[in-house]
Amino acid sequence: MKNYKILKMVVLVIAFCVNGYGQTKTYPFEITKTGNGNQSLLFIPGFACSGEVWNETISKFEANYTCYTLTMAGFAGVEPQAKVTFEYWKNEIANYIKEQSIEKPILIGHSMGGGLAMAIASEYPNLIEKIIVVDALPFFSALMNPDAKSK
């Protein structure tokens, strides 16, 4: 009977460890990975767009690059999350790059995605190779106030 209790305890500990440590981390975006090249491209869509906005572009690159396409939480059918801020997205994209061991990707961002690419490049310059920004607004204050000055 004593051996049975010990065996039961061992099974419970193993089940807890597998459940607690075996889960994969969730990110505030959905990722689609295509291609298998040595250089990685990470595509970030604009506000309220899905990653599908990049489909035509990706079709030109996936033969020679590994392409990661993001769709942010709350957009295009991706489950919304409570913590959705620009800062959080920026840090979680950087964490994804680190945790997936993506070596020096090129970030390609449209609109809000371009802003995210610039913010990531600014805060994590050694993490990425370079950025390509398509139609982003780098200084939001100037949109409402043409006399605004950056610090």
N, C-alpha and C. Protein backbone atom coordinates (compact mmCIF):
# COMPACT_ATOMS: atom_id res chain seq x y z
N MET A 1 0.82 -1.20 0.00
CA MET A 1 0.00 0.00 0.00
C MET A 1 0.86 1.26 0.00
N LYS A 2 1.97 1.20 0.77
CA LYS A 2 2.87 2.34 0.84
C LYS A 2 3.52 2.61 -0.52
N ASN A 3 3.90 1.53 -1.23
CA ASN A 3 4.47 1.68 -2.57
C ASN A 3 3.48 2.31 -3.54
N TYR A 4 2.21 1.97 -3.37
CA TYR A 4 1.17 2.53 -4.23
C TYR A 4 1.06 4.04 -4.03
N LYS A 5 1.14 4.51 -2.78
CA LYS A 5 1.08 5.94 -2.49
C LYS A 5 2.29 6.67 -3.08
N ILE A 6 3.44 6.07 -2.98
CA ILE A 6 4.66 6.68 -3.54
C ILE A 6 4.53 6.77 -5.06
N LEU A 7 4.07 5.69 -5.67
CA LEU A 7 3.89 5.69 -7.12
C LEU A 7 2.87 6.76 -7.54
N LYS A 8 1.80 6.87 -6.77
CA LYS A 8 0.78 7.87 -7.05
C LYS A 8 1.37 9.28 -6.95
N MET A 9 2.19 9.54 -5.97
CA MET A 9 2.83 10.84 -5.78
C MET A 9 3.77 11.14 -6.95
N VAL A 10 4.53 10.16 -7.38
CA VAL A 10 5.46 10.34 -8.50
C VAL A 10 4.68 10.69 -9.77
N VAL A 11 3.59 9.99 -10.02
CA VAL A 11 2.77 10.25 -11.19
C VAL A 11 2.19 11.66 -11.14
N LEU A 12 1.73 12.08 -9.98
CA LEU A 12 1.17 13.43 -9.83
C LEU A 12 2.23 14.51 -10.07
N VAL A 13 3.43 14.30 -9.55
CA VAL A 13 4.51 15.27 -9.75
C VAL A 13 4.88 15.35 -11.23
N ILE A 14 4.99 14.22 -11.88
CA ILE A 14 5.31 14.20 -13.31
C ILE A 14 4.21 14.88 -14.11
N ALA A 15 2.96 14.59 -13.80
CA ALA A 15 1.84 15.22 -14.51
C ALA A 15 1.86 16.74 -14.32
N PHE A 16 2.16 17.18 -13.11
CA PHE A 16 2.23 18.62 -12.86
C PHE A 16 3.36 19.25 -13.67
N CYS A 17 4.52 18.62 -13.68
CA CYS A 17 5.66 19.16 -14.42
C CYS A 17 5.39 19.21 -15.91
N VAL A 18 4.82 18.16 -16.45
CA VAL A 18 4.51 18.13 -17.88
C VAL A 18 3.49 19.20 -18.21
N ASN A 19 2.47 19.34 -17.37
CA ASN A 19 1.44 20.35 -17.62
C ASN A 19 2.00 21.75 -17.46
N GLY A 20 2.78 21.99 -16.43
CA GLY A 20 3.29 23.33 -16.16
C GLY A 20 4.41 23.75 -17.09
N TYR A 21 5.28 22.82 -17.44
CA TYR A 21 6.44 23.17 -18.24
C TYR A 21 6.32 22.76 -19.70
N GLY A 22 5.37 21.95 -20.02
CA GLY A 22 5.25 21.46 -21.38
C GLY A 22 4.41 22.37 -22.27
N GLN A 23 3.76 23.37 -21.68
CA GLN A 23 2.93 24.25 -22.48
C GLN A 23 3.78 25.23 -23.24
N THR A 24 3.35 25.56 -24.42
CA THR A 24 4.06 26.56 -25.21
C THR A 24 3.52 27.94 -24.85
N LYS A 25 4.38 28.92 -24.96
CA LYS A 25 3.99 30.28 -24.64
C LYS A 25 3.06 30.81 -25.72
N THR A 26 2.10 31.59 -25.30
CA THR A 26 1.23 32.25 -26.27
C THR A 26 1.70 33.69 -26.42
N TYR A 27 1.56 34.20 -27.60
CA TYR A 27 1.97 35.57 -27.92
C TYR A 27 0.72 36.37 -28.30
N PRO A 28 0.81 37.69 -28.26
CA PRO A 28 -0.34 38.51 -28.62
C PRO A 28 -0.47 38.69 -30.13
N PHE A 29 -0.13 37.65 -30.85
CA PHE A 29 -0.27 37.65 -32.29
C PHE A 29 -0.25 36.21 -32.77
N GLU A 30 -0.82 36.02 -33.95
CA GLU A 30 -0.78 34.71 -34.62
C GLU A 30 0.38 34.76 -35.60
N ILE A 31 1.09 33.65 -35.74
CA ILE A 31 2.26 33.61 -36.61
C ILE A 31 2.06 32.55 -37.68
N THR A 32 2.36 32.92 -38.92
CA THR A 32 2.41 31.96 -40.01
C THR A 32 3.84 31.94 -40.51
N LYS A 33 4.42 30.75 -40.59
CA LYS A 33 5.80 30.61 -41.06
C LYS A 33 5.80 29.88 -42.40
N THR A 34 6.47 30.47 -43.39
CA THR A 34 6.61 29.85 -44.70
C THR A 34 8.04 30.01 -45.17
N GLY A 35 8.41 29.24 -46.16
CA GLY A 35 9.77 29.32 -46.70
C GLY A 35 10.77 28.65 -45.78
N ASN A 36 12.01 28.56 -46.28
CA ASN A 36 13.04 27.88 -45.50
C ASN A 36 14.42 28.41 -45.85
N GLY A 37 14.56 29.70 -45.99
CA GLY A 37 15.85 30.27 -46.33
C GLY A 37 16.69 30.55 -45.10
N ASN A 38 17.96 30.91 -45.32
CA ASN A 38 18.86 31.22 -44.22
C ASN A 38 18.53 32.56 -43.56
N GLN A 39 18.10 33.52 -44.34
CA GLN A 39 17.73 34.84 -43.81
C GLN A 39 16.22 34.85 -43.52
N SER A 40 15.84 35.44 -42.40
CA SER A 40 14.44 35.51 -42.02
C SER A 40 13.87 36.91 -42.24
N LEU A 41 12.63 36.93 -42.70
CA LEU A 41 11.87 38.16 -42.85
C LEU A 41 10.67 38.06 -41.92
N LEU A 42 10.43 39.11 -41.14
CA LEU A 42 9.30 39.13 -40.24
C LEU A 42 8.37 40.26 -40.67
N PHE A 43 7.16 39.89 -41.11
CA PHE A 43 6.20 40.83 -41.66
C PHE A 43 5.18 41.23 -40.59
N ILE A 44 5.05 42.54 -40.35
CA ILE A 44 4.12 43.06 -39.35
C ILE A 44 3.08 43.92 -40.08
N PRO A 45 1.80 43.56 -39.98
CA PRO A 45 0.77 44.32 -40.70
C PRO A 45 0.42 45.62 -40.00
N GLY A 46 -0.38 46.41 -40.69
CA GLY A 46 -0.87 47.66 -40.13
C GLY A 46 -2.05 47.43 -39.20
N PHE A 47 -2.47 48.50 -38.56
CA PHE A 47 -3.58 48.47 -37.62
C PHE A 47 -4.83 47.91 -38.30
N ALA A 48 -5.46 46.96 -37.66
CA ALA A 48 -6.70 46.33 -38.10
C ALA A 48 -6.55 45.47 -39.36
N CYS A 49 -5.33 45.22 -39.81
CA CYS A 49 -5.09 44.36 -40.97
C CYS A 49 -4.66 42.97 -40.51
N SER A 50 -4.89 42.00 -41.34
CA SER A 50 -4.37 40.67 -41.07
C SER A 50 -3.00 40.54 -41.74
N GLY A 51 -2.30 39.49 -41.40
CA GLY A 51 -1.04 39.20 -42.05
C GLY A 51 -1.20 38.91 -43.53
N GLU A 52 -2.44 38.60 -43.95
CA GLU A 52 -2.70 38.30 -45.35
C GLU A 52 -2.40 39.48 -46.27
N VAL A 53 -2.33 40.67 -45.71
CA VAL A 53 -1.99 41.85 -46.50
C VAL A 53 -0.61 41.68 -47.15
N TRP A 54 0.21 40.79 -46.60
CA TRP A 54 1.56 40.56 -47.10
C TRP A 54 1.64 39.38 -48.07
N ASN A 55 0.56 38.70 -48.37
CA ASN A 55 0.61 37.47 -49.17
C ASN A 55 1.33 37.63 -50.51
N GLU A 56 1.02 38.68 -51.25
CA GLU A 56 1.66 38.87 -52.56
C GLU A 56 3.17 39.09 -52.40
N THR A 57 3.54 39.87 -51.41
CA THR A 57 4.96 40.13 -51.15
C THR A 57 5.68 38.85 -50.74
N ILE A 58 5.06 38.12 -49.82
CA ILE A 58 5.68 36.88 -49.33
C ILE A 58 5.87 35.88 -50.46
N SER A 59 4.93 35.82 -51.39
CA SER A 59 5.05 34.87 -52.51
C SER A 59 6.31 35.12 -53.32
N LYS A 60 6.82 36.34 -53.31
CA LYS A 60 8.04 36.68 -54.04
C LYS A 60 9.30 36.30 -53.27
N PHE A 61 9.19 36.16 -51.95
CA PHE A 61 10.37 35.95 -51.11
C PHE A 61 10.51 34.56 -50.49
N GLU A 62 9.41 33.83 -50.33
CA GLU A 62 9.48 32.60 -49.55
C GLU A 62 10.33 31.49 -50.19
N ALA A 63 10.67 31.62 -51.45
CA ALA A 63 11.56 30.63 -52.08
C ALA A 63 12.99 30.76 -51.56
N ASN A 64 13.37 31.96 -51.13
CA ASN A 64 14.74 32.21 -50.71
C ASN A 64 14.89 32.63 -49.25
N TYR A 65 13.78 32.90 -48.57
CA TYR A 65 13.80 33.39 -47.19
C TYR A 65 12.83 32.58 -46.34
N THR A 66 13.06 32.60 -45.03
CA THR A 66 12.07 32.10 -44.10
C THR A 66 11.22 33.30 -43.71
N CYS A 67 9.93 33.21 -43.94
CA CYS A 67 9.02 34.34 -43.72
C CYS A 67 8.11 34.06 -42.52
N TYR A 68 8.07 34.99 -41.61
CA TYR A 68 7.19 34.95 -40.45
C TYR A 68 6.18 36.08 -40.63
N THR A 69 4.91 35.75 -40.67
CA THR A 69 3.87 36.75 -40.87
C THR A 69 3.00 36.82 -39.62
N LEU A 70 2.85 38.02 -39.07
CA LEU A 70 2.08 38.21 -37.86
C LEU A 70 0.70 38.78 -38.17
N THR A 71 -0.28 38.38 -37.39
CA THR A 71 -1.58 39.03 -37.31
C THR A 71 -1.80 39.29 -35.83
N MET A 72 -1.99 40.54 -35.48
CA MET A 72 -2.07 40.92 -34.08
C MET A 72 -3.38 40.47 -33.46
N ALA A 73 -3.32 40.19 -32.15
CA ALA A 73 -4.51 39.77 -31.41
C ALA A 73 -5.60 40.83 -31.52
N GLY A 74 -6.82 40.37 -31.72
CA GLY A 74 -7.96 41.27 -31.82
C GLY A 74 -8.30 41.68 -33.24
N PHE A 75 -7.48 41.28 -34.21
CA PHE A 75 -7.72 41.65 -35.60
C PHE A 75 -7.86 40.39 -36.46
N ALA A 76 -8.69 40.49 -37.48
CA ALA A 76 -8.83 39.46 -38.51
C ALA A 76 -9.08 38.07 -37.95
N GLY A 77 -9.93 38.00 -36.94
CA GLY A 77 -10.31 36.70 -36.38
C GLY A 77 -9.36 36.13 -35.36
N VAL A 78 -8.26 36.82 -35.06
CA VAL A 78 -7.35 36.34 -34.01
C VAL A 78 -7.95 36.76 -32.67
N GLU A 79 -8.02 35.81 -31.76
CA GLU A 79 -8.62 36.04 -30.44
C GLU A 79 -8.05 37.29 -29.77
N PRO A 80 -8.92 38.21 -29.34
CA PRO A 80 -8.41 39.41 -28.65
C PRO A 80 -7.84 39.06 -27.28
N GLN A 81 -6.97 39.90 -26.80
CA GLN A 81 -6.38 39.74 -25.47
C GLN A 81 -6.61 41.02 -24.68
N ALA A 82 -6.57 40.89 -23.38
CA ALA A 82 -6.83 42.04 -22.51
C ALA A 82 -5.71 43.07 -22.57
N LYS A 83 -4.49 42.61 -22.68
CA LYS A 83 -3.33 43.50 -22.61
C LYS A 83 -2.84 43.82 -24.02
N VAL A 84 -3.45 44.79 -24.65
CA VAL A 84 -3.06 45.12 -26.02
C VAL A 84 -2.58 46.58 -26.07
N THR A 85 -1.29 46.73 -25.96
CA THR A 85 -0.70 48.06 -26.10
C THR A 85 0.45 47.96 -27.09
N PHE A 86 0.78 49.08 -27.68
CA PHE A 86 1.90 49.14 -28.61
C PHE A 86 3.18 48.64 -27.93
N GLU A 87 3.41 49.11 -26.72
CA GLU A 87 4.61 48.73 -25.95
C GLU A 87 4.66 47.22 -25.72
N TYR A 88 3.53 46.64 -25.36
CA TYR A 88 3.46 45.20 -25.11
C TYR A 88 3.74 44.42 -26.40
N TRP A 89 3.12 44.85 -27.51
CA TRP A 89 3.36 44.19 -28.78
C TRP A 89 4.84 44.27 -29.15
N LYS A 90 5.43 45.45 -28.99
CA LYS A 90 6.85 45.64 -29.32
C LYS A 90 7.71 44.64 -28.55
N ASN A 91 7.51 44.57 -27.25
CA ASN A 91 8.32 43.68 -26.42
C ASN A 91 8.07 42.21 -26.72
N GLU A 92 6.82 41.86 -27.00
CA GLU A 92 6.51 40.46 -27.29
C GLU A 92 7.03 40.02 -28.66
N ILE A 93 7.07 40.91 -29.63
CA ILE A 93 7.69 40.57 -30.92
C ILE A 93 9.18 40.33 -30.70
N ALA A 94 9.83 41.19 -29.92
CA ALA A 94 11.25 41.00 -29.61
C ALA A 94 11.46 39.69 -28.85
N ASN A 95 10.58 39.39 -27.90
CA ASN A 95 10.69 38.13 -27.16
C ASN A 95 10.51 36.93 -28.08
N TYR A 96 9.59 37.02 -29.02
CA TYR A 96 9.38 35.93 -29.97
C TYR A 96 10.65 35.68 -30.78
N ILE A 97 11.27 36.75 -31.26
CA ILE A 97 12.51 36.62 -32.04
C ILE A 97 13.57 35.92 -31.20
N LYS A 98 13.72 36.34 -29.95
CA LYS A 98 14.72 35.73 -29.06
C LYS A 98 14.39 34.27 -28.75
N GLU A 99 13.14 34.03 -28.33
CA GLU A 99 12.75 32.69 -27.88
C GLU A 99 12.72 31.67 -29.01
N GLN A 100 12.49 32.12 -30.23
CA GLN A 100 12.49 31.21 -31.38
C GLN A 100 13.87 31.15 -32.04
N SER A 101 14.84 31.85 -31.46
CA SER A 101 16.22 31.89 -31.98
C SER A 101 16.27 32.28 -33.46
N ILE A 102 15.53 33.31 -33.81
CA ILE A 102 15.54 33.81 -35.18
C ILE A 102 16.72 34.77 -35.29
N GLU A 103 17.72 34.39 -36.06
CA GLU A 103 18.95 35.17 -36.17
C GLU A 103 18.79 36.39 -37.05
N LYS A 104 18.92 37.55 -36.47
CA LYS A 104 18.97 38.83 -37.20
C LYS A 104 17.94 38.94 -38.32
N PRO A 105 16.64 38.85 -37.99
CA PRO A 105 15.63 38.97 -39.05
C PRO A 105 15.57 40.39 -39.60
N ILE A 106 15.04 40.51 -40.78
CA ILE A 106 14.69 41.81 -41.35
C ILE A 106 13.22 42.02 -41.03
N LEU A 107 12.91 43.11 -40.32
CA LEU A 107 11.53 43.42 -39.99
C LEU A 107 10.94 44.28 -41.10
N ILE A 108 9.78 43.88 -41.59
CA ILE A 108 9.08 44.63 -42.64
C ILE A 108 7.71 44.97 -42.08
N GLY A 109 7.46 46.27 -41.91
CA GLY A 109 6.22 46.68 -41.29
C GLY A 109 5.47 47.71 -42.10
N HIS A 110 4.16 47.55 -42.12
CA HIS A 110 3.27 48.50 -42.80
C HIS A 110 2.51 49.29 -41.75
N SER A 111 2.47 50.60 -41.89
CA SER A 111 1.70 51.49 -41.03
C SER A 111 2.05 51.24 -39.56
N MET A 112 1.10 50.77 -38.75
CA MET A 112 1.41 50.48 -37.35
C MET A 112 2.55 49.47 -37.25
N GLY A 113 2.59 48.52 -38.16
CA GLY A 113 3.68 47.54 -38.18
C GLY A 113 5.02 48.20 -38.43
N GLY A 114 5.02 49.26 -39.24
CA GLY A 114 6.24 50.03 -39.47
C GLY A 114 6.67 50.74 -38.20
N GLY A 115 5.69 51.27 -37.48
CA GLY A 115 5.99 51.89 -36.19
C GLY A 115 6.56 50.89 -35.20
N LEU A 116 5.99 49.68 -35.19
CA LEU A 116 6.52 48.62 -34.32
C LEU A 116 7.94 48.24 -34.74
N ALA A 117 8.19 48.14 -36.04
CA ALA A 117 9.53 47.81 -36.52
C ALA A 117 10.54 48.88 -36.07
N MET A 118 10.16 50.16 -36.18
CA MET A 118 11.06 51.24 -35.75
C MET A 118 11.30 51.18 -34.24
N ALA A 119 10.25 50.92 -33.48
CA ALA A 119 10.39 50.85 -32.03
C ALA A 119 11.28 49.67 -31.62
N ILE A 120 11.11 48.53 -32.28
CA ILE A 120 11.95 47.36 -31.98
C ILE A 120 13.40 47.66 -32.34
N ALA A 121 13.62 48.27 -33.50
CA ALA A 121 14.99 48.61 -33.93
C ALA A 121 15.63 49.59 -32.96
N SER A 122 14.84 50.50 -32.42
CA SER A 122 15.36 51.49 -31.49
C SER A 122 15.74 50.87 -30.15
N GLU A 123 14.88 50.00 -29.64
CA GLU A 123 15.13 49.42 -28.32
C GLU A 123 15.99 48.15 -28.35
N TYR A 124 15.95 47.41 -29.44
CA TYR A 124 16.69 46.15 -29.56
C TYR A 124 17.54 46.15 -30.83
N PRO A 125 18.47 47.09 -30.97
CA PRO A 125 19.20 47.23 -32.24
C PRO A 125 20.05 46.01 -32.61
N ASN A 126 20.51 45.26 -31.65
CA ASN A 126 21.36 44.10 -31.93
C ASN A 126 20.55 42.84 -32.25
N LEU A 127 19.24 42.94 -32.12
CA LEU A 127 18.39 41.78 -32.34
C LEU A 127 18.05 41.56 -33.81
N ILE A 128 18.07 42.63 -34.59
CA ILE A 128 17.61 42.55 -35.98
C ILE A 128 18.70 42.99 -36.96
N GLU A 129 18.52 42.60 -38.21
CA GLU A 129 19.45 42.98 -39.27
C GLU A 129 19.16 44.40 -39.74
N LYS A 130 17.89 44.63 -40.11
CA LYS A 130 17.46 45.95 -40.56
C LYS A 130 15.94 45.97 -40.59
N ILE A 131 15.40 47.16 -40.90
CA ILE A 131 13.95 47.29 -41.01
C ILE A 131 13.60 47.88 -42.37
N ILE A 132 12.42 47.54 -42.82
CA ILE A 132 11.84 48.14 -44.01
C ILE A 132 10.46 48.63 -43.58
N VAL A 133 10.23 49.92 -43.75
CA VAL A 133 8.98 50.52 -43.30
C VAL A 133 8.17 50.96 -44.51
N VAL A 134 6.93 50.51 -44.55
CA VAL A 134 6.03 50.85 -45.65
C VAL A 134 4.91 51.74 -45.09
N ASP A 135 4.94 53.02 -45.45
CA ASP A 135 3.85 53.92 -45.14
C ASP A 135 3.50 53.99 -43.66
N ALA A 136 4.48 54.34 -42.83
CA ALA A 136 4.22 54.48 -41.40
C ALA A 136 4.35 55.94 -41.00
N LEU A 137 3.72 56.28 -39.90
CA LEU A 137 3.79 57.63 -39.37
C LEU A 137 4.74 57.59 -38.17
N PRO A 138 5.97 58.10 -38.30
CA PRO A 138 6.95 57.95 -37.23
C PRO A 138 6.75 58.90 -36.05
N PHE A 139 6.00 59.99 -36.23
CA PHE A 139 5.83 60.96 -35.16
C PHE A 139 4.35 61.33 -35.06
N PHE A 140 3.63 60.57 -34.24
CA PHE A 140 2.18 60.68 -34.16
C PHE A 140 1.69 62.07 -33.75
N SER A 141 2.43 62.76 -32.89
CA SER A 141 2.00 64.08 -32.42
C SER A 141 1.87 65.08 -33.57
N ALA A 142 2.71 64.95 -34.56
CA ALA A 142 2.66 65.86 -35.71
C ALA A 142 1.37 65.71 -36.51
N LEU A 143 0.71 64.58 -36.39
CA LEU A 143 -0.54 64.35 -37.09
C LEU A 143 -1.61 65.34 -36.63
N MET A 144 -1.66 65.60 -35.34
CA MET A 144 -2.67 66.50 -34.78
C MET A 144 -2.17 67.93 -34.60
N ASN A 145 -0.85 68.08 -34.46
CA ASN A 145 -0.28 69.41 -34.20
C ASN A 145 0.93 69.62 -35.08
N PRO A 146 0.80 70.36 -36.17
CA PRO A 146 1.94 70.56 -37.08
C PRO A 146 3.09 71.33 -36.44
N ASP A 147 2.84 71.99 -35.30
CA ASP A 147 3.89 72.72 -34.60
C ASP A 147 4.60 71.87 -33.55
N ALA A 148 4.20 70.60 -33.41
CA ALA A 148 4.80 69.71 -32.41
C ALA A 148 6.28 69.51 -32.70
N LYS A 149 7.07 69.43 -31.65
CA LYS A 149 8.51 69.22 -31.76
C LYS A 149 8.87 67.91 -31.04
N SER A 150 9.73 67.12 -31.66
CA SER A 150 10.17 65.89 -31.00
C SER A 150 11.24 66.24 -29.97
N LYS A 151 11.38 65.39 -28.98
CA LYS A 151 12.39 65.62 -27.92
C LYS A 151 13.62 64.79 -28.21
